[in-house]
Amino acid sequence: MFEDEGDNPGYVKNGKINELIEFMELKMSQNYIYKLINELDAEHTGYIGVSRLKNAILKLEIERILG
């Protein structure tokens, strides 16, 4: 659904990150999402690896739950 099925399987286009976060019902500010994208796509390729994105979201959710 969000993973690129064209030339970059295993990656999500940066432009789909907002949509993905909304779909997952995560609460993140636009500013935080922008910072997350810049951190995970430091090379500015326009794509973020699915595994890197999963790990980042998992870490954020654990921090949110534990306070």
N, C-alpha and C. Protein backbone atom coordinates (compact mmCIF):
# COMPACT_ATOMS: atom_id res chain seq x y z
N MET A 1 0.81 -1.19 0.00
CA MET A 1 0.00 0.00 0.00
C MET A 1 0.87 1.27 0.00
N PHE A 2 1.89 1.31 0.86
CA PHE A 2 2.74 2.48 0.94
C PHE A 2 4.12 2.22 0.37
N GLU A 3 4.51 0.95 0.33
CA GLU A 3 5.83 0.59 -0.17
C GLU A 3 5.90 0.78 -1.68
N ASP A 4 7.03 1.32 -2.14
CA ASP A 4 7.22 1.54 -3.57
C ASP A 4 7.35 0.18 -4.26
N GLU A 5 6.54 -0.05 -5.27
CA GLU A 5 6.57 -1.31 -5.99
C GLU A 5 7.27 -1.18 -7.33
N GLY A 6 7.79 -0.01 -7.60
CA GLY A 6 8.47 0.23 -8.87
C GLY A 6 9.96 -0.10 -8.77
N ASP A 7 10.78 0.90 -8.95
CA ASP A 7 12.22 0.72 -8.97
C ASP A 7 12.84 0.57 -7.59
N ASN A 8 12.08 0.85 -6.52
CA ASN A 8 12.64 0.85 -5.17
C ASN A 8 11.83 0.01 -4.19
N PRO A 9 11.71 -1.30 -4.43
CA PRO A 9 10.98 -2.13 -3.46
C PRO A 9 11.70 -2.10 -2.12
N GLY A 10 10.95 -2.14 -1.04
CA GLY A 10 11.54 -2.08 0.30
C GLY A 10 11.71 -0.66 0.79
N TYR A 11 11.21 0.30 0.02
CA TYR A 11 11.33 1.71 0.38
C TYR A 11 9.97 2.39 0.28
N VAL A 12 9.80 3.46 1.05
CA VAL A 12 8.60 4.28 1.01
C VAL A 12 9.01 5.66 0.51
N LYS A 13 8.24 6.21 -0.41
CA LYS A 13 8.52 7.57 -0.88
C LYS A 13 8.27 8.54 0.26
N ASN A 14 9.12 9.53 0.38
CA ASN A 14 8.97 10.53 1.44
C ASN A 14 7.58 11.17 1.42
N GLY A 15 7.04 11.37 0.24
CA GLY A 15 5.73 11.99 0.10
C GLY A 15 4.59 11.16 0.66
N LYS A 16 4.82 9.89 0.93
CA LYS A 16 3.79 9.00 1.47
C LYS A 16 3.85 8.89 2.99
N ILE A 17 4.87 9.48 3.62
CA ILE A 17 5.06 9.32 5.06
C ILE A 17 3.89 9.91 5.84
N ASN A 18 3.44 11.12 5.49
CA ASN A 18 2.28 11.71 6.19
C ASN A 18 1.07 10.80 6.11
N GLU A 19 0.81 10.30 4.93
CA GLU A 19 -0.33 9.41 4.71
C GLU A 19 -0.20 8.14 5.56
N LEU A 20 0.99 7.59 5.62
CA LEU A 20 1.24 6.38 6.40
C LEU A 20 1.02 6.65 7.88
N ILE A 21 1.52 7.76 8.38
CA ILE A 21 1.37 8.09 9.80
C ILE A 21 -0.10 8.31 10.15
N GLU A 22 -0.85 8.96 9.26
CA GLU A 22 -2.29 9.13 9.47
C GLU A 22 -2.99 7.78 9.49
N PHE A 23 -2.62 6.90 8.55
CA PHE A 23 -3.22 5.57 8.46
C PHE A 23 -2.99 4.78 9.75
N MET A 24 -1.81 4.94 10.33
CA MET A 24 -1.46 4.22 11.56
C MET A 24 -2.02 4.92 12.80
N GLU A 25 -2.69 6.05 12.61
CA GLU A 25 -3.28 6.84 13.68
C GLU A 25 -2.26 7.25 14.73
N LEU A 26 -1.06 7.60 14.26
CA LEU A 26 -0.01 8.10 15.15
C LEU A 26 -0.16 9.61 15.26
N LYS A 27 0.17 10.13 16.40
CA LYS A 27 0.05 11.57 16.63
C LYS A 27 1.44 12.19 16.57
N MET A 28 1.73 12.85 15.44
CA MET A 28 3.01 13.52 15.23
C MET A 28 2.74 14.85 14.56
N SER A 29 3.45 15.87 15.02
CA SER A 29 3.31 17.18 14.38
C SER A 29 3.98 17.15 13.01
N GLN A 30 3.57 18.06 12.16
CA GLN A 30 4.19 18.15 10.83
C GLN A 30 5.68 18.45 10.95
N ASN A 31 6.03 19.27 11.94
CA ASN A 31 7.43 19.60 12.16
C ASN A 31 8.22 18.34 12.54
N TYR A 32 7.65 17.50 13.39
CA TYR A 32 8.34 16.28 13.80
C TYR A 32 8.47 15.32 12.62
N ILE A 33 7.43 15.21 11.81
CA ILE A 33 7.48 14.34 10.63
C ILE A 33 8.57 14.81 9.68
N TYR A 34 8.66 16.12 9.48
CA TYR A 34 9.70 16.69 8.62
C TYR A 34 11.09 16.33 9.15
N LYS A 35 11.29 16.46 10.46
CA LYS A 35 12.58 16.11 11.06
C LYS A 35 12.87 14.61 10.90
N LEU A 36 11.85 13.79 11.09
CA LEU A 36 12.00 12.34 10.94
C LEU A 36 12.42 11.98 9.52
N ILE A 37 11.76 12.58 8.54
CA ILE A 37 12.11 12.31 7.14
C ILE A 37 13.54 12.73 6.86
N ASN A 38 13.93 13.91 7.32
CA ASN A 38 15.30 14.38 7.10
C ASN A 38 16.34 13.49 7.77
N GLU A 39 16.01 12.98 8.93
CA GLU A 39 16.93 12.09 9.64
C GLU A 39 17.06 10.74 8.93
N LEU A 40 15.94 10.18 8.50
CA LEU A 40 15.95 8.85 7.88
C LEU A 40 16.38 8.88 6.42
N ASP A 41 16.26 10.03 5.78
CA ASP A 41 16.69 10.17 4.39
C ASP A 41 17.76 11.26 4.30
N ALA A 42 18.83 11.04 5.05
CA ALA A 42 19.90 12.03 5.13
C ALA A 42 20.55 12.30 3.77
N GLU A 43 20.47 11.32 2.86
CA GLU A 43 21.07 11.47 1.53
C GLU A 43 20.12 12.17 0.56
N HIS A 44 18.90 12.45 1.01
CA HIS A 44 17.88 13.14 0.21
C HIS A 44 17.59 12.41 -1.11
N THR A 45 17.38 11.10 -0.99
CA THR A 45 17.06 10.29 -2.17
C THR A 45 15.57 10.36 -2.52
N GLY A 46 14.75 10.76 -1.55
CA GLY A 46 13.31 10.78 -1.75
C GLY A 46 12.64 9.51 -1.26
N TYR A 47 13.43 8.60 -0.70
CA TYR A 47 12.92 7.32 -0.22
C TYR A 47 13.50 7.00 1.15
N ILE A 48 12.70 6.27 1.95
CA ILE A 48 13.15 5.79 3.25
C ILE A 48 12.95 4.29 3.28
N GLY A 49 13.97 3.57 3.72
CA GLY A 49 13.86 2.12 3.84
C GLY A 49 12.77 1.75 4.83
N VAL A 50 11.96 0.76 4.47
CA VAL A 50 10.85 0.33 5.32
C VAL A 50 11.36 -0.10 6.68
N SER A 51 12.45 -0.84 6.74
CA SER A 51 12.97 -1.32 8.02
C SER A 51 13.43 -0.16 8.90
N ARG A 52 14.07 0.84 8.32
CA ARG A 52 14.49 2.01 9.09
C ARG A 52 13.28 2.77 9.61
N LEU A 53 12.26 2.90 8.79
CA LEU A 53 11.04 3.60 9.19
C LEU A 53 10.33 2.85 10.32
N LYS A 54 10.22 1.53 10.19
CA LYS A 54 9.59 0.73 11.23
C LYS A 54 10.32 0.89 12.55
N ASN A 55 11.65 0.81 12.52
CA ASN A 55 12.44 0.95 13.74
C ASN A 55 12.25 2.32 14.38
N ALA A 56 12.21 3.37 13.57
CA ALA A 56 12.04 4.72 14.09
C ALA A 56 10.66 4.88 14.73
N ILE A 57 9.63 4.38 14.07
CA ILE A 57 8.27 4.48 14.60
C ILE A 57 8.13 3.67 15.88
N LEU A 58 8.70 2.48 15.90
CA LEU A 58 8.66 1.64 17.10
C LEU A 58 9.34 2.35 18.27
N LYS A 59 10.48 2.93 18.03
CA LYS A 59 11.20 3.65 19.08
C LYS A 59 10.35 4.81 19.61
N LEU A 60 9.74 5.56 18.72
CA LEU A 60 8.89 6.69 19.13
C LEU A 60 7.70 6.23 19.97
N GLU A 61 7.08 5.16 19.55
CA GLU A 61 5.92 4.65 20.28
C GLU A 61 6.31 4.12 21.65
N ILE A 62 7.45 3.46 21.76
CA ILE A 62 7.93 2.99 23.06
C ILE A 62 8.20 4.19 23.97
N GLU A 63 8.86 5.21 23.44
CA GLU A 63 9.13 6.41 24.24
C GLU A 63 7.84 7.09 24.68
N ARG A 64 6.85 7.13 23.78
CA ARG A 64 5.57 7.75 24.10
C ARG A 64 4.86 6.99 25.20
N ILE A 65 4.87 5.67 25.11
CA ILE A 65 4.17 4.84 26.10
C ILE A 65 4.85 4.90 27.47
N LEU A 66 6.18 4.83 27.47
CA LEU A 66 6.92 4.84 28.73
C LEU A 66 7.06 6.22 29.34
N GLY A 67 6.79 7.23 28.51
CA GLY A 67 6.85 8.61 28.99
C GLY A 67 8.23 9.09 28.99
